[in-house]
């Protein structure tokens, strides 16, 4: 992230997520053209399978599997991106933004967090639980749901 400072956790999430996310098209092309060496598995963090493909690349089986796996790569890349988004959001103490998990959802530039509708998370109960961010009355900093004190100025919330 360098020397940039961010005022809210969503901006930190976006900066970190953009550095770790993978592209579906790149995953498909890696599986199609370099699948015999297992490069597509390294791309989505499946290092064990990548090493296995390198060990048996001379048999030709990984090349055939690479062609077949190019059809499964978009789902694997989406799964990898969702996992990375969940890790980053958990470290920041915020809910995972929908656009980071589901392809085709609007990016933050199109639906800013300040004006977005409340997000409901399934908790296994019949009633949804609201997971909107809390704004500090003192410094206007957004805070994760359930926070009792502002993460910026320390003022008691609610």
Protein backbone atom coordinates (compact mmCIF):
# COMPACT_ATOMS: atom_id res chain seq x y z
CA UNK A 1 0.00 0.00 0.00
CA UNK A 2 2.95 2.32 0.29
CA UNK A 3 2.61 5.62 2.11
CA UNK A 4 -1.08 6.20 1.39
CA UNK A 5 -3.39 6.83 4.32
CA UNK A 6 -7.04 5.87 4.22
CA UNK A 7 -9.88 7.32 6.24
CA UNK A 8 -12.15 4.30 6.28
CA UNK A 9 -11.83 0.53 6.28
CA UNK A 10 -13.60 0.20 2.91
CA UNK A 11 -10.81 2.13 1.19
CA UNK A 12 -8.22 -0.09 2.87
CA UNK A 13 -10.19 -3.16 1.77
CA UNK A 14 -10.33 -1.96 -1.85
CA UNK A 15 -6.60 -1.21 -1.94
CA UNK A 16 -5.63 -4.59 -0.50
CA UNK A 17 -8.20 -6.54 -2.53
CA UNK A 18 -7.01 -5.07 -5.82
CA UNK A 19 -3.48 -6.29 -5.09
CA UNK A 20 -4.47 -9.92 -4.41
CA UNK A 21 -7.41 -10.54 -6.74
CA UNK A 22 -7.00 -12.74 -9.81
CA UNK A 23 -8.47 -12.37 -13.29
CA UNK A 24 -10.66 -15.15 -14.72
CA UNK A 25 -9.41 -14.72 -18.28
CA UNK A 26 -5.79 -15.07 -17.19
CA UNK A 27 -6.70 -18.25 -15.31
CA UNK A 28 -8.37 -19.74 -18.39
CA UNK A 29 -5.43 -18.84 -20.64
CA UNK A 30 -2.92 -20.30 -18.18
CA UNK A 31 -4.89 -23.56 -18.01
CA UNK A 32 -5.19 -23.75 -21.77
CA UNK A 33 -1.62 -22.91 -22.77
CA UNK A 34 0.48 -23.79 -19.70
CA UNK A 35 -1.81 -26.39 -18.12
CA UNK A 36 0.71 -29.15 -18.77
CA UNK A 37 2.99 -27.52 -16.17
CA UNK A 38 0.20 -26.74 -13.66
CA UNK A 39 0.78 -23.00 -13.75
CA UNK A 40 -2.97 -22.40 -13.47
CA UNK A 41 -2.98 -24.17 -10.11
CA UNK A 42 -0.20 -21.93 -8.78
CA UNK A 43 -2.25 -18.94 -10.00
CA UNK A 44 -5.12 -19.76 -7.63
CA UNK A 45 -2.98 -20.90 -4.70
CA UNK A 46 -3.23 -24.67 -5.24
CA UNK A 47 0.51 -25.18 -4.93
CA UNK A 48 0.33 -28.90 -4.16
CA UNK A 49 -1.48 -29.65 -7.42
CA UNK A 50 0.90 -27.36 -9.29
CA UNK A 51 3.91 -29.29 -8.00
CA UNK A 52 2.21 -32.58 -8.85
CA UNK A 53 1.60 -31.41 -12.44
CA UNK A 54 5.25 -30.39 -12.77
CA UNK A 55 6.36 -33.81 -11.56
CA UNK A 56 4.28 -35.68 -14.15
CA UNK A 57 4.20 -33.19 -17.04
CA UNK A 58 6.25 -35.55 -19.24
CA UNK A 59 3.34 -38.06 -19.37
CA UNK A 60 1.03 -35.73 -21.30
CA UNK A 61 -1.81 -36.28 -18.83
CA UNK A 62 -1.53 -32.77 -17.31
CA UNK A 63 -1.78 -31.26 -20.80
CA UNK A 64 -5.08 -33.03 -21.38
CA UNK A 65 -6.30 -32.09 -17.90
CA UNK A 66 -5.26 -28.47 -18.49
CA UNK A 67 -7.52 -28.26 -21.54
CA UNK A 68 -10.40 -29.72 -19.55
CA UNK A 69 -9.71 -27.54 -16.51
CA UNK A 70 -9.81 -24.32 -18.52
CA UNK A 71 -13.60 -24.65 -18.36
CA UNK A 72 -13.50 -24.80 -14.55
CA UNK A 73 -11.03 -21.96 -14.04
CA UNK A 74 -13.53 -19.06 -13.88
CA UNK A 75 -15.24 -20.70 -10.89
CA UNK A 76 -11.92 -21.45 -9.21
CA UNK A 77 -10.73 -17.88 -9.70
CA UNK A 78 -14.01 -16.54 -8.26
CA UNK A 79 -13.60 -18.88 -5.29
CA UNK A 80 -10.02 -17.69 -4.76
CA UNK A 81 -11.10 -14.03 -4.95
CA UNK A 82 -13.97 -14.60 -2.50
CA UNK A 83 -11.61 -16.31 -0.06
CA UNK A 84 -9.10 -13.46 -0.27
CA UNK A 85 -11.89 -10.88 0.18
CA UNK A 86 -13.13 -12.72 3.28
CA UNK A 87 -9.65 -12.77 4.80
CA UNK A 88 -9.08 -9.06 4.19
CA UNK A 89 -12.55 -8.10 5.49
CA UNK A 90 -12.08 -10.24 8.60
CA UNK A 91 -8.73 -8.59 9.33
CA UNK A 92 -10.35 -5.16 9.00
CA UNK A 93 -13.46 -6.13 10.98
CA UNK A 94 -15.91 -5.23 8.20
CA UNK A 95 -18.43 -7.30 6.24
CA UNK A 96 -17.30 -8.50 2.82
CA UNK A 97 -18.62 -6.11 0.14
CA UNK A 98 -20.92 -7.87 -2.31
CA UNK A 99 -18.98 -6.77 -5.40
CA UNK A 100 -15.87 -8.59 -4.12
CA UNK A 101 -17.66 -11.92 -3.87
CA UNK A 102 -20.21 -11.96 -6.66
CA UNK A 103 -19.14 -11.16 -10.21
CA UNK A 104 -21.42 -8.69 -11.94
CA UNK A 105 -22.36 -6.71 -8.83
CA UNK A 106 -21.63 -2.98 -9.03
CA UNK A 107 -18.27 -1.70 -7.89
CA UNK A 108 -18.03 0.91 -5.12
CA UNK A 109 -17.67 3.72 -7.66
CA UNK A 110 -21.15 2.94 -8.94
CA UNK A 111 -22.81 2.36 -5.56
CA UNK A 112 -20.89 4.27 -2.89
CA UNK A 113 -20.95 2.83 0.63
CA UNK A 114 -22.42 6.01 2.05
CA UNK A 115 -25.52 5.64 -0.15
CA UNK A 116 -25.74 1.86 -0.43
CA UNK A 117 -28.72 -0.04 0.91
CA UNK A 118 -28.22 -2.08 4.10
CA UNK A 119 -26.68 -5.49 3.56
CA UNK A 120 -28.33 -8.47 5.22
CA UNK A 121 -26.30 -11.53 6.15
CA UNK A 122 -27.75 -14.96 6.71
CA UNK A 123 -27.16 -16.14 10.23
CA UNK A 124 -29.12 -19.36 10.08
CA UNK A 125 -32.08 -17.65 11.74
CA UNK A 126 -35.34 -16.81 10.03
CA UNK A 127 -34.92 -13.07 10.48
CA UNK A 128 -32.08 -11.27 8.69
CA UNK A 129 -29.47 -9.39 10.70
CA UNK A 130 -28.54 -5.90 9.54
CA UNK A 131 -24.80 -5.40 9.04
CA UNK A 132 -24.58 -1.73 8.11
CA UNK A 133 -21.60 0.36 9.17
CA UNK A 134 -21.89 2.80 12.06
CA UNK A 135 -20.86 6.44 11.63
CA UNK A 136 -19.23 8.33 14.49
CA UNK A 137 -21.13 11.48 15.50
CA UNK A 138 -17.85 13.23 16.33
CA UNK A 139 -15.53 12.56 13.37
CA UNK A 140 -17.96 10.94 10.86
CA UNK A 141 -15.66 7.87 10.58
CA UNK A 142 -17.42 4.64 9.58
CA UNK A 143 -17.00 1.77 12.03
CA UNK A 144 -17.70 -1.96 11.78
CA UNK A 145 -21.06 -3.28 12.99
CA UNK A 146 -21.13 -4.04 16.69
CA UNK A 147 -18.33 -1.55 17.51
CA UNK A 148 -18.82 0.30 20.78
CA UNK A 149 -16.12 2.90 20.24
CA UNK A 150 -14.95 4.82 17.15
CA UNK A 151 -11.82 3.34 15.57
CA UNK A 152 -10.58 6.81 14.66
CA UNK A 153 -11.22 9.11 17.63
CA UNK A 154 -12.33 6.69 20.38
CA UNK A 155 -15.71 8.31 21.02
CA UNK A 156 -18.39 5.98 22.38
CA UNK A 157 -20.87 5.00 19.68
CA UNK A 158 -24.66 4.75 20.03
